[in-house]
Amino acid sequence: MGRGGRGGRGRGGKPRLMRKDYQGDGRRENKWNEAKTHRADKFLEAGDMTNEAFEEYYKTQGIVPEGEWDAFVDILKKPLPITFRINGSGRFANELREKLERDFFANFTKGPIMLDGEIVGPPRPLPWYPHKLAWHMNFSRNQLRKITWLADIHEFMKAANEAGSITRQEAVSMVPPLFMDVQPHHRVLDMCAAPGSKTFQLLEQLHTFDSSSSSSGGSNQTPTGFVVANDADAQRCNL
């Protein structure tokens, strides 16, 4: 094996250690740290989204016309929409989707909702995700807490996420597993698995059989394939 490269081998054919990953040989212990899970949320709540080094780097690249720079930065500072995926398939997933539509999202059918001086669009399913099992919402986490029934949505999502019924996952992260079209007999190697949302999605696809094999839309069959999940950094693992 050649020298260098992530996960390569050093002299004498011994595995190359990454200094950042191991206690006693680097700067931090290689174990999961729950306290760091929500660092991004704390950053957003602070309201300071200025990064001089980031701006200097991209200005140097010259990929954004000078007259469009301010608009480019403004777009980057907008919070990402809330997106989530209903886990699994078959009757349980369908019933959870129907509950969301009936008990929570139906409030948006009563007319336009003004929040922080803007009209809030209703939650909508991602049109490219099968069976309306992935949803997109336009309001921020802070706005969720300002109206009672919006707060109810927030609390339900937290409980469902903890129970494993839904996964909070960016829409762009849901795309790769769909393109792979994983079948029950496939063997999948995920070499960058943390924090685990795409890996979980791959596992769901592995367990999805033809709906004709079961009246509930699924099957009790065991897939012959499997998913091997691996990541070089244990601090990123969350599943």
Protein backbone atom coordinates (compact mmCIF):
# COMPACT_ATOMS: atom_id res chain seq x y z
CA MET A 1 0.00 0.00 0.00
CA GLY A 2 1.21 3.51 -0.73
CA ARG A 3 2.06 6.02 1.91
CA GLY A 4 -0.49 8.55 3.06
CA GLY A 5 -4.23 8.40 2.60
CA ARG A 6 -6.94 8.13 5.17
CA GLY A 7 -6.99 4.75 6.83
CA GLY A 8 -3.86 3.60 4.96
CA ARG A 9 -0.87 1.68 6.30
CA GLY A 10 2.39 2.94 7.67
CA ARG A 11 5.84 1.43 7.56
CA GLY A 12 6.04 -2.32 8.02
CA GLY A 13 2.46 -2.78 6.84
CA LYS A 14 0.98 -1.73 10.21
CA PRO A 15 -2.33 0.19 10.20
CA ARG A 16 -1.77 3.95 10.22
CA LEU A 17 -3.19 5.61 13.34
CA MET A 18 -4.97 8.94 13.05
CA ARG A 19 -3.58 11.23 15.74
CA LYS A 20 -6.82 13.12 16.18
CA ASP A 21 -8.76 9.96 16.98
CA TYR A 22 -6.96 8.26 19.84
CA GLN A 23 -6.38 9.24 23.43
CA GLY A 24 -2.70 9.24 24.32
CA ASP A 25 -1.71 9.55 20.68
CA GLY A 26 -3.58 12.70 19.73
CA ARG A 27 -5.72 15.59 20.86
CA ARG A 28 -8.99 13.92 21.90
CA GLU A 29 -10.53 10.65 23.01
CA ASN A 30 -12.28 8.64 20.31
CA LYS A 31 -15.73 8.27 21.89
CA TRP A 32 -19.19 9.73 21.45
CA ASN A 33 -19.78 13.05 23.22
CA GLU A 34 -23.50 13.75 23.71
CA ALA A 35 -22.80 17.36 24.73
CA LYS A 36 -21.68 18.19 21.19
CA THR A 37 -24.81 16.87 19.47
CA HIS A 38 -26.62 20.20 19.25
CA ARG A 39 -23.74 22.61 18.64
CA ALA A 40 -25.35 23.94 15.46
CA ASP A 41 -28.60 24.83 17.26
CA LYS A 42 -26.70 26.82 19.89
CA PHE A 43 -24.80 28.65 17.16
CA LEU A 44 -28.01 29.63 15.37
CA GLU A 45 -29.69 30.74 18.59
CA ALA A 46 -26.78 33.08 19.29
CA GLY A 47 -27.73 34.98 16.12
CA ASP A 48 -24.12 35.55 15.03
CA MET A 49 -23.61 33.92 11.64
CA THR A 50 -20.59 35.96 10.58
CA ASN A 51 -17.47 34.04 9.59
CA GLU A 52 -14.71 36.27 8.26
CA ALA A 53 -12.44 33.37 7.28
CA PHE A 54 -15.26 31.76 5.29
CA GLU A 55 -16.06 34.99 3.46
CA GLU A 56 -12.41 35.69 2.70
CA TYR A 57 -11.95 32.19 1.29
CA TYR A 58 -14.93 32.33 -1.07
CA LYS A 59 -14.20 35.88 -2.19
CA THR A 60 -10.71 34.72 -3.13
CA GLN A 61 -12.17 31.91 -5.27
CA GLY A 62 -13.96 34.45 -7.44
CA ILE A 63 -16.93 32.14 -8.04
CA VAL A 64 -19.52 34.71 -6.93
CA PRO A 65 -19.76 37.95 -8.95
CA GLU A 66 -18.96 40.97 -6.82
CA GLY A 67 -22.40 42.50 -7.30
CA GLU A 68 -24.08 39.32 -6.05
CA TRP A 69 -21.96 38.75 -2.94
CA ASP A 70 -24.34 40.28 -0.39
CA ALA A 71 -27.31 38.33 -1.78
CA PHE A 72 -25.20 35.14 -1.70
CA VAL A 73 -24.34 35.63 1.98
CA ASP A 74 -27.95 36.48 2.88
CA ILE A 75 -29.14 33.20 1.36
CA LEU A 76 -26.50 31.26 3.29
CA LYS A 77 -27.67 32.83 6.55
CA LYS A 78 -31.28 31.75 6.11
CA PRO A 79 -32.14 28.79 8.38
CA LEU A 80 -32.65 25.47 6.63
CA PRO A 81 -36.26 24.27 6.48
CA ILE A 82 -37.31 21.56 8.89
CA THR A 83 -37.42 18.25 7.08
CA PHE A 84 -38.12 14.82 8.48
CA ARG A 85 -38.76 11.31 7.29
CA ILE A 86 -41.32 8.83 8.64
CA ASN A 87 -39.36 5.68 9.39
CA GLY A 88 -40.26 2.30 8.01
CA SER A 89 -43.00 1.39 5.57
CA GLY A 90 -46.31 -0.40 5.47
CA ARG A 91 -49.29 0.09 7.77
CA PHE A 92 -47.48 1.74 10.71
CA ALA A 93 -45.83 4.40 8.56
CA ASN A 94 -49.08 5.11 6.73
CA GLU A 95 -51.01 5.48 10.00
CA LEU A 96 -48.41 7.88 11.40
CA ARG A 97 -48.58 9.98 8.22
CA GLU A 98 -52.38 10.08 8.47
CA LYS A 99 -52.18 11.13 12.13
CA LEU A 100 -49.85 14.01 11.26
CA GLU A 101 -52.13 15.18 8.47
CA ARG A 102 -55.30 14.83 10.56
CA ASP A 103 -54.22 15.99 14.04
CA PHE A 104 -51.53 18.58 13.30
CA PHE A 105 -51.29 19.76 9.71
CA ALA A 106 -55.06 20.21 9.29
CA ASN A 107 -54.80 23.53 11.16
CA PHE A 108 -53.24 25.04 8.06
CA THR A 109 -56.46 24.51 6.09
CA LYS A 110 -58.25 27.19 8.17
CA GLY A 111 -56.60 30.06 6.29
CA PRO A 112 -53.25 31.90 5.98
CA ILE A 113 -51.08 32.02 9.09
CA MET A 114 -49.06 35.14 9.87
CA LEU A 115 -45.95 34.62 11.98
CA ASP A 116 -43.24 37.23 12.57
CA GLY A 117 -44.80 39.37 9.87
CA GLU A 118 -44.70 36.64 7.24
CA ILE A 119 -47.18 34.12 5.90
CA VAL A 120 -46.20 30.60 6.96
CA GLY A 121 -46.78 28.00 4.27
CA PRO A 122 -48.33 24.68 5.28
CA PRO A 123 -46.17 21.57 5.74
CA ARG A 124 -45.91 19.69 2.48
CA PRO A 125 -44.63 16.27 1.46
CA LEU A 126 -41.43 16.17 -0.55
CA PRO A 127 -42.80 15.35 -4.02
CA TRP A 128 -39.94 13.02 -4.98
CA TYR A 129 -40.04 10.87 -1.82
CA PRO A 130 -42.24 7.74 -2.08
CA HIS A 131 -45.65 7.46 -0.38
CA LYS A 132 -45.57 10.96 1.20
CA LEU A 133 -43.24 9.69 3.95
CA ALA A 134 -40.94 12.74 3.94
CA TRP A 135 -42.10 16.25 4.83
CA HIS A 136 -40.88 19.83 4.60
CA MET A 137 -41.89 22.71 6.90
CA ASN A 138 -41.08 26.39 6.33
CA PHE A 139 -41.02 27.67 9.90
CA SER A 140 -38.04 27.72 12.23
CA ARG A 141 -37.63 25.94 15.54
CA ASN A 142 -38.18 29.22 17.40
CA GLN A 143 -41.40 29.95 15.49
CA LEU A 144 -42.69 26.48 16.42
CA ARG A 145 -42.94 27.63 20.03
CA LYS A 146 -44.96 30.81 19.39
CA ILE A 147 -48.36 29.25 18.58
CA THR A 148 -49.85 26.53 20.78
CA TRP A 149 -50.60 24.00 18.08
CA LEU A 150 -47.26 24.69 16.40
CA ALA A 151 -45.67 23.91 19.75
CA ASP A 152 -47.67 20.67 19.77
CA ILE A 153 -46.11 19.75 16.42
CA HIS A 154 -42.69 20.48 17.88
CA GLU A 155 -43.30 18.32 20.95
CA PHE A 156 -44.74 15.48 18.89
CA MET A 157 -41.73 15.55 16.55
CA LYS A 158 -39.31 15.42 19.48
CA ALA A 159 -41.13 12.45 21.03
CA ALA A 160 -41.43 10.63 17.70
CA ASN A 161 -37.78 11.24 16.93
CA GLU A 162 -36.74 9.83 20.32
CA ALA A 163 -39.03 6.82 19.83
CA GLY A 164 -37.58 6.17 16.38
CA SER A 165 -40.84 6.82 14.52
CA ILE A 166 -39.38 9.70 12.49
CA THR A 167 -35.89 10.88 11.60
CA ARG A 168 -34.94 14.55 11.45
CA GLN A 169 -32.94 14.56 8.23
CA GLU A 170 -32.08 17.18 5.61
CA ALA A 171 -33.76 16.61 2.27
CA VAL A 172 -30.45 16.45 0.43
CA SER A 173 -29.39 13.62 2.75
CA MET A 174 -32.44 11.54 1.78
CA VAL A 175 -31.54 11.51 -1.92
CA PRO A 176 -28.52 9.12 -2.19
CA PRO A 177 -30.27 6.03 -0.73
CA LEU A 178 -33.18 6.54 -3.15
CA PHE A 179 -30.83 6.60 -6.14
CA MET A 180 -29.19 3.37 -4.94
CA ASP A 181 -32.51 1.52 -5.15
CA VAL A 182 -31.43 -0.99 -2.48
CA GLN A 183 -33.15 -4.38 -2.70
CA PRO A 184 -33.51 -7.05 0.04
CA HIS A 185 -30.71 -9.16 -1.47
CA HIS A 186 -28.16 -6.34 -1.79
CA ARG A 187 -24.98 -6.04 0.28
CA VAL A 188 -24.22 -2.39 1.08
CA LEU A 189 -20.96 -0.94 2.38
CA ASP A 190 -21.37 2.51 3.95
CA MET A 191 -17.88 3.94 4.53
CA CYS A 192 -19.00 7.32 5.91
CA ALA A 193 -21.95 6.26 8.04
CA ALA A 194 -22.07 8.76 10.91
CA PRO A 195 -24.32 10.12 12.23
CA GLY A 196 -26.51 7.39 10.75
CA SER A 197 -29.60 8.85 9.05
CA LYS A 198 -28.71 7.60 5.56
CA THR A 199 -27.59 4.26 7.02
CA PHE A 200 -30.96 3.87 8.72
CA GLN A 201 -32.68 4.72 5.45
CA LEU A 202 -30.62 2.03 3.66
CA LEU A 203 -31.65 -0.51 6.29
CA GLU A 204 -35.31 0.38 5.79
CA GLN A 205 -34.97 -0.18 2.05
CA LEU A 206 -33.27 -3.51 2.70
CA HIS A 207 -36.34 -4.63 4.66
CA THR A 208 -38.87 -3.39 2.11
CA PHE A 209 -40.40 -6.27 0.18
CA ASP A 210 -43.03 -6.28 -2.54
CA SER A 211 -46.29 -5.02 -1.00
CA SER A 212 -48.15 -7.95 -2.58
CA SER A 213 -46.42 -10.29 -0.14
CA SER A 214 -48.33 -8.89 2.83
CA SER A 215 -51.74 -7.34 3.42
CA SER A 216 -50.14 -4.68 5.65
CA GLY A 217 -47.93 -3.45 2.83
CA GLY A 218 -44.80 -5.11 4.14
CA SER A 219 -43.49 -8.56 4.99
CA ASN A 220 -42.15 -10.64 7.85
CA GLN A 221 -39.45 -12.01 5.57
CA THR A 222 -35.79 -11.60 6.50
CA PRO A 223 -33.63 -10.00 3.81
CA THR A 224 -30.63 -11.96 2.60
CA GLY A 225 -28.63 -8.76 2.15
CA PHE A 226 -27.04 -6.53 4.78
CA VAL A 227 -25.53 -3.11 5.47
CA VAL A 228 -22.00 -2.72 6.84
CA ALA A 229 -21.71 0.72 8.47
CA ASN A 230 -18.32 2.24 9.18
CA ASP A 231 -16.95 5.67 10.08
CA ALA A 232 -13.46 6.88 10.98
CA ASP A 233 -14.68 9.25 13.69
CA ALA A 234 -16.63 7.86 16.66
CA GLN A 235 -17.60 11.36 17.83
CA ARG A 236 -19.83 11.70 14.78
CA CYS A 237 -21.71 8.47 15.46
CA ASN A 238 -25.31 8.95 16.62
CA LEU A 239 -27.00 5.65 15.79
